[in-house]
N, C-alpha and C. Protein backbone atom coordinates (compact mmCIF):
# COMPACT_ATOMS: atom_id res chain seq x y z
N MET A 1 61.17 94.26 83.87
CA MET A 1 60.37 94.72 85.00
C MET A 1 58.94 94.94 84.51
N LYS A 2 58.02 94.35 85.20
CA LYS A 2 56.63 94.42 84.80
C LYS A 2 56.06 95.82 85.06
N THR A 3 55.27 96.34 84.10
CA THR A 3 54.68 97.67 84.28
C THR A 3 53.16 97.66 84.19
N HIS A 4 52.56 96.57 83.71
CA HIS A 4 51.10 96.50 83.58
C HIS A 4 50.56 95.42 84.51
N TYR A 5 49.49 95.74 85.23
CA TYR A 5 48.87 94.81 86.17
C TYR A 5 47.36 94.85 86.01
N ILE A 6 46.72 93.74 86.35
CA ILE A 6 45.27 93.66 86.43
C ILE A 6 44.91 93.42 87.88
N ILE A 7 44.01 94.26 88.42
CA ILE A 7 43.54 94.11 89.79
C ILE A 7 42.12 93.57 89.74
N GLY A 8 41.84 92.58 90.57
CA GLY A 8 40.49 92.01 90.63
C GLY A 8 40.42 90.93 91.68
N ARG A 9 39.28 90.24 91.73
CA ARG A 9 39.11 89.19 92.73
C ARG A 9 39.41 87.81 92.17
N SER A 10 39.69 87.70 90.87
CA SER A 10 40.01 86.43 90.23
C SER A 10 41.41 85.97 90.61
N SER A 11 41.60 84.66 90.66
CA SER A 11 42.93 84.12 90.94
C SER A 11 43.89 84.40 89.79
N SER A 12 43.37 84.70 88.59
CA SER A 12 44.24 85.02 87.46
C SER A 12 44.64 86.50 87.41
N SER A 13 44.11 87.31 88.33
CA SER A 13 44.50 88.73 88.39
C SER A 13 45.91 88.84 88.96
N ASP A 14 46.65 89.84 88.52
CA ASP A 14 48.01 90.06 89.04
C ASP A 14 47.97 90.49 90.50
N VAL A 15 47.00 91.32 90.86
CA VAL A 15 46.83 91.79 92.24
C VAL A 15 45.40 91.44 92.64
N ARG A 16 45.27 90.62 93.69
CA ARG A 16 43.95 90.18 94.14
C ARG A 16 43.48 91.04 95.28
N THR A 17 42.20 91.38 95.24
CA THR A 17 41.59 92.12 96.35
C THR A 17 41.24 91.13 97.45
N PRO A 18 41.04 91.60 98.68
CA PRO A 18 40.72 90.69 99.78
C PRO A 18 39.46 89.88 99.48
N SER A 19 39.44 88.65 99.98
CA SER A 19 38.26 87.80 99.76
C SER A 19 37.05 88.43 100.44
N GLY A 20 35.89 88.19 99.89
CA GLY A 20 34.67 88.76 100.43
C GLY A 20 34.28 90.08 99.79
N GLU A 21 35.13 90.63 98.94
CA GLU A 21 34.82 91.88 98.24
C GLU A 21 34.10 91.54 96.94
N ASP A 22 32.81 91.19 97.07
CA ASP A 22 32.04 90.72 95.93
C ASP A 22 31.68 91.80 94.92
N THR A 23 31.82 93.07 95.28
CA THR A 23 31.50 94.14 94.33
C THR A 23 32.68 94.44 93.41
N VAL A 24 33.83 93.81 93.68
CA VAL A 24 35.00 93.97 92.83
C VAL A 24 34.89 92.93 91.71
N GLY A 25 35.11 93.36 90.48
CA GLY A 25 35.04 92.45 89.35
C GLY A 25 36.19 91.46 89.36
N LYS A 26 36.02 90.36 88.63
CA LYS A 26 37.09 89.36 88.54
C LYS A 26 38.35 89.98 87.95
N LYS A 27 38.19 90.78 86.93
CA LYS A 27 39.27 91.57 86.35
C LYS A 27 38.72 92.99 86.29
N HIS A 28 39.00 93.77 87.30
CA HIS A 28 38.31 95.03 87.51
C HIS A 28 39.07 96.25 86.95
N LEU A 29 40.37 96.32 87.21
CA LEU A 29 41.12 97.55 86.92
C LEU A 29 42.44 97.21 86.27
N GLU A 30 42.77 97.93 85.18
CA GLU A 30 44.10 97.83 84.57
C GLU A 30 44.96 98.95 85.13
N VAL A 31 46.17 98.61 85.55
CA VAL A 31 47.08 99.59 86.15
C VAL A 31 48.40 99.55 85.39
N ARG A 32 48.89 100.73 85.01
CA ARG A 32 50.22 100.85 84.41
C ARG A 32 51.07 101.65 85.38
N VAL A 33 52.21 101.08 85.77
CA VAL A 33 53.12 101.73 86.72
C VAL A 33 53.94 102.77 85.97
N LEU A 34 53.87 104.03 86.44
CA LEU A 34 54.66 105.10 85.84
C LEU A 34 55.93 105.35 86.63
N GLY A 35 55.95 104.88 87.87
CA GLY A 35 57.09 105.08 88.75
C GLY A 35 56.92 106.36 89.55
N GLY A 36 57.73 106.50 90.59
CA GLY A 36 57.65 107.68 91.44
C GLY A 36 56.31 107.78 92.16
N GLY A 37 55.67 106.64 92.45
CA GLY A 37 54.39 106.66 93.15
C GLY A 37 53.21 107.06 92.27
N ARG A 38 53.39 107.05 90.94
CA ARG A 38 52.33 107.43 90.00
C ARG A 38 51.89 106.21 89.20
N PHE A 39 50.60 106.17 88.89
CA PHE A 39 50.01 105.08 88.13
C PHE A 39 49.03 105.65 87.11
N GLU A 40 48.79 104.88 86.08
CA GLU A 40 47.73 105.18 85.12
C GLU A 40 46.73 104.05 85.25
N ILE A 41 45.45 104.39 85.46
CA ILE A 41 44.45 103.35 85.69
C ILE A 41 43.31 103.44 84.68
N ARG A 42 42.68 102.27 84.44
CA ARG A 42 41.54 102.20 83.52
C ARG A 42 40.62 101.08 83.98
N ASP A 43 39.32 101.42 84.14
CA ASP A 43 38.32 100.43 84.50
C ASP A 43 38.12 99.49 83.32
N LEU A 44 37.97 98.21 83.59
CA LEU A 44 37.84 97.22 82.52
C LEU A 44 36.38 96.90 82.21
N GLY A 45 35.52 97.92 82.27
CA GLY A 45 34.11 97.75 81.90
C GLY A 45 33.32 96.96 82.93
N THR A 46 33.63 97.15 84.21
CA THR A 46 32.98 96.38 85.26
C THR A 46 31.58 96.89 85.55
N ARG A 47 30.76 96.00 86.09
CA ARG A 47 29.37 96.34 86.41
C ARG A 47 29.29 97.36 87.55
N ASN A 48 30.15 97.21 88.57
CA ASN A 48 30.08 98.10 89.73
C ASN A 48 31.00 99.32 89.64
N GLY A 49 31.82 99.40 88.61
CA GLY A 49 32.61 100.59 88.33
C GLY A 49 33.80 100.85 89.25
N THR A 50 34.58 101.85 88.85
CA THR A 50 35.72 102.34 89.61
C THR A 50 35.49 103.81 89.84
N PHE A 51 35.81 104.28 91.07
CA PHE A 51 35.55 105.67 91.45
C PHE A 51 36.80 106.29 92.05
N LEU A 52 36.95 107.60 91.81
CA LEU A 52 38.04 108.38 92.40
C LEU A 52 37.43 109.40 93.36
N TYR A 53 38.09 109.61 94.49
CA TYR A 53 37.62 110.58 95.48
C TYR A 53 38.19 111.94 95.09
N GLN A 54 37.36 112.80 94.51
CA GLN A 54 37.84 114.05 93.93
C GLN A 54 37.13 115.26 94.52
N GLY A 55 37.71 116.41 94.25
CA GLY A 55 37.15 117.67 94.74
C GLY A 55 38.10 118.26 95.76
N SER A 56 37.67 119.33 96.40
CA SER A 56 38.51 119.96 97.42
C SER A 56 37.67 120.31 98.64
N GLY A 57 38.29 120.15 99.80
CA GLY A 57 37.61 120.51 101.04
C GLY A 57 36.35 119.70 101.27
N ALA A 58 35.27 120.41 101.61
CA ALA A 58 34.00 119.77 101.92
C ALA A 58 33.28 119.26 100.67
N THR A 59 33.74 119.65 99.48
CA THR A 59 33.06 119.25 98.25
C THR A 59 33.63 117.97 97.65
N ARG A 60 34.49 117.27 98.39
CA ARG A 60 35.06 116.02 97.85
C ARG A 60 33.98 114.94 97.82
N GLU A 61 33.96 114.21 96.72
CA GLU A 61 33.01 113.11 96.59
C GLU A 61 33.56 112.09 95.59
N TRP A 62 32.97 110.90 95.62
CA TRP A 62 33.37 109.84 94.70
C TRP A 62 32.83 110.14 93.31
N GLN A 63 33.74 110.14 92.33
CA GLN A 63 33.38 110.38 90.93
C GLN A 63 33.73 109.14 90.12
N PRO A 64 32.85 108.72 89.20
CA PRO A 64 33.17 107.53 88.39
C PRO A 64 34.38 107.78 87.50
N LEU A 65 35.20 106.77 87.35
CA LEU A 65 36.37 106.84 86.47
C LEU A 65 35.90 106.66 85.04
N ALA A 66 36.22 107.62 84.21
CA ALA A 66 35.88 107.54 82.78
C ALA A 66 37.19 107.57 82.00
N GLY A 67 37.42 106.56 81.20
CA GLY A 67 38.65 106.51 80.42
C GLY A 67 39.85 106.17 81.27
N THR A 68 40.97 106.77 80.95
CA THR A 68 42.24 106.52 81.63
C THR A 68 42.61 107.75 82.45
N ARG A 69 43.10 107.54 83.67
CA ARG A 69 43.52 108.64 84.55
C ARG A 69 44.83 108.31 85.22
N GLN A 70 45.62 109.34 85.50
CA GLN A 70 46.82 109.17 86.31
C GLN A 70 46.48 109.48 87.75
N VAL A 71 46.98 108.64 88.66
CA VAL A 71 46.72 108.82 90.09
C VAL A 71 48.01 108.60 90.86
N ASP A 72 48.06 109.17 92.07
CA ASP A 72 49.16 108.91 92.99
C ASP A 72 48.85 107.66 93.79
N ALA A 73 49.88 107.04 94.37
CA ALA A 73 49.70 105.83 95.17
C ALA A 73 48.76 106.07 96.34
N SER A 74 48.71 107.30 96.87
CA SER A 74 47.89 107.59 98.05
C SER A 74 46.48 108.09 97.71
N ASP A 75 46.18 108.31 96.43
CA ASP A 75 44.84 108.77 96.04
C ASP A 75 43.80 107.71 96.36
N PRO A 76 42.70 108.07 97.04
CA PRO A 76 41.65 107.09 97.32
C PRO A 76 40.95 106.66 96.04
N ILE A 77 40.78 105.35 95.89
CA ILE A 77 40.01 104.81 94.77
C ILE A 77 39.01 103.82 95.35
N ARG A 78 37.95 103.57 94.60
CA ARG A 78 36.94 102.60 95.04
C ARG A 78 36.65 101.66 93.89
N LEU A 79 36.80 100.37 94.14
CA LEU A 79 36.48 99.34 93.17
C LEU A 79 35.15 98.74 93.63
N GLY A 80 34.07 99.07 92.95
CA GLY A 80 32.75 98.70 93.46
C GLY A 80 32.54 99.45 94.76
N SER A 81 32.35 98.72 95.86
CA SER A 81 32.22 99.38 97.17
C SER A 81 33.48 99.24 98.02
N PHE A 82 34.54 98.63 97.47
CA PHE A 82 35.80 98.42 98.18
C PHE A 82 36.70 99.65 98.02
N ALA A 83 36.86 100.43 99.11
CA ALA A 83 37.68 101.64 99.08
C ALA A 83 39.11 101.30 99.51
N THR A 84 40.08 101.81 98.76
CA THR A 84 41.49 101.53 99.03
C THR A 84 42.33 102.58 98.31
N ASN A 85 43.61 102.33 98.19
CA ASN A 85 44.49 103.11 97.30
C ASN A 85 45.54 102.16 96.75
N LEU A 86 46.22 102.57 95.71
CA LEU A 86 47.19 101.68 95.07
C LEU A 86 48.41 101.45 95.94
N GLY A 87 48.70 102.38 96.86
CA GLY A 87 49.80 102.18 97.79
C GLY A 87 49.55 100.99 98.71
N GLN A 88 48.29 100.75 99.06
CA GLN A 88 47.94 99.60 99.90
C GLN A 88 47.91 98.31 99.07
N LEU A 89 47.38 98.38 97.86
CA LEU A 89 47.27 97.18 97.03
C LEU A 89 48.60 96.77 96.41
N MET A 90 49.44 97.75 96.10
CA MET A 90 50.70 97.48 95.40
C MET A 90 51.85 98.24 96.07
N PRO A 91 52.20 97.90 97.33
CA PRO A 91 53.19 98.69 98.05
C PRO A 91 54.56 98.74 97.39
N GLU A 92 55.02 97.62 96.83
CA GLU A 92 56.35 97.63 96.20
C GLU A 92 56.36 98.49 94.95
N GLU A 93 55.31 98.41 94.15
CA GLU A 93 55.25 99.21 92.93
C GLU A 93 55.10 100.70 93.25
N SER A 94 54.54 101.01 94.41
CA SER A 94 54.38 102.41 94.81
C SER A 94 55.72 103.06 95.10
N ARG A 95 56.70 102.24 95.48
CA ARG A 95 58.03 102.78 95.82
C ARG A 95 58.99 102.71 94.65
N ARG A 96 58.54 102.20 93.50
CA ARG A 96 59.43 102.10 92.34
C ARG A 96 59.82 103.49 91.86
N PRO A 97 61.10 103.72 91.55
CA PRO A 97 61.50 105.05 91.07
C PRO A 97 60.82 105.38 89.75
N GLU A 98 60.79 106.67 89.47
CA GLU A 98 60.14 107.12 88.24
C GLU A 98 60.83 106.49 87.05
N ILE A 99 60.04 105.96 86.13
CA ILE A 99 60.59 105.24 84.99
C ILE A 99 61.25 106.24 84.03
N VAL A 100 60.50 107.07 83.38
CA VAL A 100 61.02 108.17 82.56
C VAL A 100 59.91 109.20 82.48
N SER A 101 60.22 110.41 82.85
CA SER A 101 59.20 111.46 82.81
C SER A 101 59.05 111.98 81.38
N ASP A 102 57.91 112.59 81.11
CA ASP A 102 57.67 113.18 79.80
C ASP A 102 58.66 114.31 79.53
N GLU A 103 59.02 115.07 80.58
CA GLU A 103 59.96 116.17 80.41
C GLU A 103 61.33 115.64 79.98
N PHE A 104 61.76 114.54 80.59
CA PHE A 104 63.06 113.96 80.25
C PHE A 104 63.04 113.45 78.81
N SER A 105 61.95 112.80 78.41
CA SER A 105 61.83 112.30 77.03
C SER A 105 61.89 113.46 76.04
N ALA A 106 61.22 114.57 76.35
CA ALA A 106 61.24 115.73 75.47
C ALA A 106 62.65 116.31 75.36
N LEU A 107 63.38 116.36 76.47
CA LEU A 107 64.75 116.88 76.46
C LEU A 107 65.65 116.00 75.61
N VAL A 108 65.54 114.69 75.75
CA VAL A 108 66.34 113.78 74.94
C VAL A 108 66.02 113.96 73.47
N THR A 109 64.76 114.12 73.13
CA THR A 109 64.35 114.33 71.74
C THR A 109 64.96 115.62 71.19
N GLN A 110 64.97 116.69 71.99
CA GLN A 110 65.57 117.96 71.55
C GLN A 110 67.05 117.79 71.28
N ILE A 111 67.74 117.07 72.15
CA ILE A 111 69.18 116.89 71.96
C ILE A 111 69.46 116.05 70.73
N VAL A 112 68.71 114.98 70.55
CA VAL A 112 68.92 114.10 69.39
C VAL A 112 68.60 114.82 68.10
N ASP A 113 67.54 115.63 68.08
CA ASP A 113 67.11 116.31 66.86
C ASP A 113 67.82 117.64 66.62
N ALA A 114 68.70 118.05 67.52
CA ALA A 114 69.39 119.34 67.37
C ALA A 114 70.29 119.30 66.15
N PRO A 115 70.44 120.45 65.44
CA PRO A 115 71.32 120.47 64.27
C PRO A 115 72.77 120.28 64.68
N ASP A 116 73.54 119.70 63.78
CA ASP A 116 74.97 119.47 64.03
C ASP A 116 75.71 120.80 63.98
N PRO A 117 76.43 121.20 65.06
CA PRO A 117 77.13 122.49 65.03
C PRO A 117 78.20 122.55 63.96
N ALA A 118 78.75 121.41 63.55
CA ALA A 118 79.79 121.40 62.52
C ALA A 118 79.23 121.82 61.16
N SER A 119 77.94 121.61 60.95
CA SER A 119 77.36 121.96 59.65
C SER A 119 76.68 123.32 59.67
N ALA A 120 76.76 124.04 60.80
CA ALA A 120 76.10 125.35 60.89
C ALA A 120 76.89 126.40 60.12
N GLY A 121 76.23 127.11 59.24
CA GLY A 121 76.85 128.20 58.48
C GLY A 121 77.66 127.67 57.32
N SER A 122 77.80 128.49 56.30
CA SER A 122 78.59 128.10 55.13
C SER A 122 80.04 128.50 55.35
N ALA A 123 80.90 128.08 54.45
CA ALA A 123 82.34 128.35 54.58
C ALA A 123 82.61 129.85 54.57
N GLU A 124 81.80 130.63 53.81
CA GLU A 124 82.03 132.07 53.75
C GLU A 124 81.69 132.75 55.08
N GLN A 125 80.76 132.20 55.84
CA GLN A 125 80.33 132.82 57.09
C GLN A 125 81.29 132.51 58.24
N ARG A 126 82.10 131.47 58.11
CA ARG A 126 83.00 131.09 59.18
C ARG A 126 84.27 131.91 59.14
N HIS A 127 84.89 132.03 60.27
CA HIS A 127 86.17 132.73 60.38
C HIS A 127 87.23 131.91 59.65
N PRO A 128 88.17 132.54 58.95
CA PRO A 128 89.16 131.79 58.16
C PRO A 128 90.02 130.86 59.02
N ASP A 129 90.28 131.24 60.28
CA ASP A 129 91.13 130.39 61.13
C ASP A 129 90.36 129.21 61.73
N GLU A 130 89.04 129.24 61.57
CA GLU A 130 88.20 128.21 62.19
C GLU A 130 88.23 126.94 61.33
N THR A 131 88.63 125.87 61.93
CA THR A 131 88.69 124.60 61.22
C THR A 131 87.62 123.69 61.78
N ILE A 132 86.78 123.25 60.90
CA ILE A 132 85.73 122.32 61.32
C ILE A 132 85.99 121.00 60.62
N LYS A 133 86.16 119.99 61.43
CA LYS A 133 86.39 118.67 60.87
C LYS A 133 85.04 118.00 60.67
N SER A 134 84.80 117.59 59.46
CA SER A 134 83.52 116.94 59.20
C SER A 134 83.60 115.49 59.65
N PRO A 135 82.50 115.00 60.16
CA PRO A 135 82.51 113.60 60.59
C PRO A 135 82.63 112.68 59.38
N LYS A 136 83.18 111.49 59.63
CA LYS A 136 83.31 110.53 58.54
C LYS A 136 81.92 110.13 58.07
N ALA A 137 81.81 110.06 56.76
CA ALA A 137 80.51 109.69 56.19
C ALA A 137 80.23 108.23 56.49
N ALA A 138 79.01 107.96 56.75
CA ALA A 138 78.60 106.58 57.01
C ALA A 138 78.63 105.81 55.70
N PRO A 139 78.99 104.55 55.75
CA PRO A 139 79.00 103.78 54.50
C PRO A 139 77.59 103.70 53.92
N ALA A 140 77.54 103.64 52.59
CA ALA A 140 76.24 103.62 51.91
C ALA A 140 75.46 102.36 52.26
N THR A 141 76.15 101.26 52.39
CA THR A 141 75.48 100.01 52.77
C THR A 141 76.14 99.49 54.04
N PRO A 142 75.39 98.90 54.90
CA PRO A 142 75.98 98.38 56.12
C PRO A 142 76.89 97.20 55.82
N PRO A 143 77.89 96.97 56.66
CA PRO A 143 78.79 95.84 56.40
C PRO A 143 78.01 94.53 56.51
N PRO A 144 78.46 93.53 55.79
CA PRO A 144 77.72 92.25 55.84
C PRO A 144 77.84 91.62 57.22
N LEU A 145 76.82 90.90 57.57
CA LEU A 145 76.83 90.20 58.85
C LEU A 145 77.76 89.00 58.75
N PRO A 146 78.39 88.62 59.85
CA PRO A 146 79.26 87.45 59.80
C PRO A 146 78.44 86.20 59.46
N VAL A 147 79.05 85.33 58.71
CA VAL A 147 78.37 84.12 58.29
C VAL A 147 78.31 83.16 59.47
N GLN A 148 77.12 82.73 59.77
CA GLN A 148 76.92 81.79 60.87
C GLN A 148 77.02 80.38 60.31
N PRO A 149 77.71 79.49 61.01
CA PRO A 149 77.75 78.11 60.51
C PRO A 149 76.35 77.52 60.56
N GLU A 150 76.07 76.71 59.56
CA GLU A 150 74.74 76.10 59.51
C GLU A 150 74.67 75.02 60.57
N ILE A 151 73.61 75.06 61.31
CA ILE A 151 73.44 74.10 62.39
C ILE A 151 72.58 72.96 61.88
N GLU A 152 73.13 71.74 62.03
CA GLU A 152 72.37 70.58 61.59
C GLU A 152 71.31 70.27 62.62
N PRO A 153 70.15 69.85 62.15
CA PRO A 153 69.12 69.46 63.13
C PRO A 153 69.57 68.23 63.89
N GLU A 154 69.20 68.17 65.15
CA GLU A 154 69.57 67.02 65.95
C GLU A 154 68.82 65.80 65.46
N PRO A 155 69.49 64.64 65.49
CA PRO A 155 68.80 63.44 65.01
C PRO A 155 67.64 63.07 65.94
N ASP A 156 66.67 62.42 65.38
CA ASP A 156 65.50 62.00 66.15
C ASP A 156 65.79 60.61 66.70
N PHE A 157 66.07 60.55 68.00
CA PHE A 157 66.37 59.28 68.64
C PHE A 157 65.13 58.59 69.19
N SER A 158 64.00 59.16 68.95
CA SER A 158 62.79 58.54 69.48
C SER A 158 62.41 57.36 68.60
N ILE A 159 62.43 56.19 69.19
CA ILE A 159 62.02 54.98 68.48
C ILE A 159 60.91 54.34 69.28
N PRO A 160 60.02 53.72 68.56
CA PRO A 160 58.94 53.08 69.32
C PRO A 160 59.50 51.93 70.15
N LEU A 161 59.11 51.88 71.39
CA LEU A 161 59.57 50.82 72.29
C LEU A 161 58.47 49.78 72.43
N ARG A 162 58.90 48.55 72.47
CA ARG A 162 57.95 47.48 72.70
C ARG A 162 58.29 46.83 74.02
N ARG A 163 57.29 46.39 74.68
CA ARG A 163 57.50 45.72 75.96
C ARG A 163 56.93 44.30 75.88
N ASN A 164 57.57 43.41 76.62
CA ASN A 164 57.05 42.04 76.67
C ASN A 164 55.98 41.94 77.74
N ASP A 165 55.49 40.78 77.98
CA ASP A 165 54.41 40.58 78.94
C ASP A 165 54.82 40.96 80.36
N TYR A 166 56.11 41.03 80.65
CA TYR A 166 56.60 41.36 81.99
C TYR A 166 56.93 42.85 82.12
N GLY A 167 56.70 43.64 81.07
CA GLY A 167 56.97 45.08 81.10
C GLY A 167 58.40 45.45 80.75
N GLU A 168 59.18 44.45 80.36
CA GLU A 168 60.57 44.73 79.99
C GLU A 168 60.61 45.23 78.55
N ILE A 169 61.56 46.16 78.29
CA ILE A 169 61.73 46.70 76.94
C ILE A 169 62.45 45.67 76.10
N ILE A 170 61.92 45.40 74.92
CA ILE A 170 62.57 44.45 74.01
C ILE A 170 62.94 45.18 72.73
N SER A 171 64.03 44.75 72.11
CA SER A 171 64.47 45.38 70.88
C SER A 171 64.08 44.51 69.70
N ASP A 172 64.10 45.11 68.54
CA ASP A 172 63.71 44.37 67.33
C ASP A 172 64.80 43.48 66.85
C-alpha cells in the first residue's frame, strides 16, 4: 500500500491539481499518509510556497509551511494561490484507517523489552514450592539452510536469422 505521494501540476505527479492552477509547482508537495485522516506534508522548495490556515477565531491567517507538519484531511492548505485540503485532493487516502500510532508502537516496544518473569529473582528469593521452567536455550548457531538444487542457465536459442530476397527465413 502506497504511503508517499507527490502533489503538483506535472503529469508525473501522483496527485495532479486542476489544470489552470499555474501557481502550483510541477512537483509542489510531498505527502506521507499516516492514516486515520492524518498526513505529514513537506513543501518541495517551490517558488510560490505552501501555506497552512492557522490561528484561532478572528486571528486565523495563512502561514507559510516550514519543514514538515502533520495535518488533518480537512485542514485548509494553499499551494501557491490554490486553496484546498487533502480530503479533496486525496479522498480515498483520507479514509484510510490509521496505520500505526506512536502510542501503539511504544506499547509494543515496552512489551517486547519487558524482563522475562521466569528470570525475575534468584532461587533463594522464590518460594520453595514455586517451580519455574526455564525456556529452552536457543542453539548457538542457526540450523543450516536447506540445499537448493543448482539451476542451470537456460540455453541461448537466439541465432542470427537470414532472409532471402523474398523475406523468407533461410537456414545455413
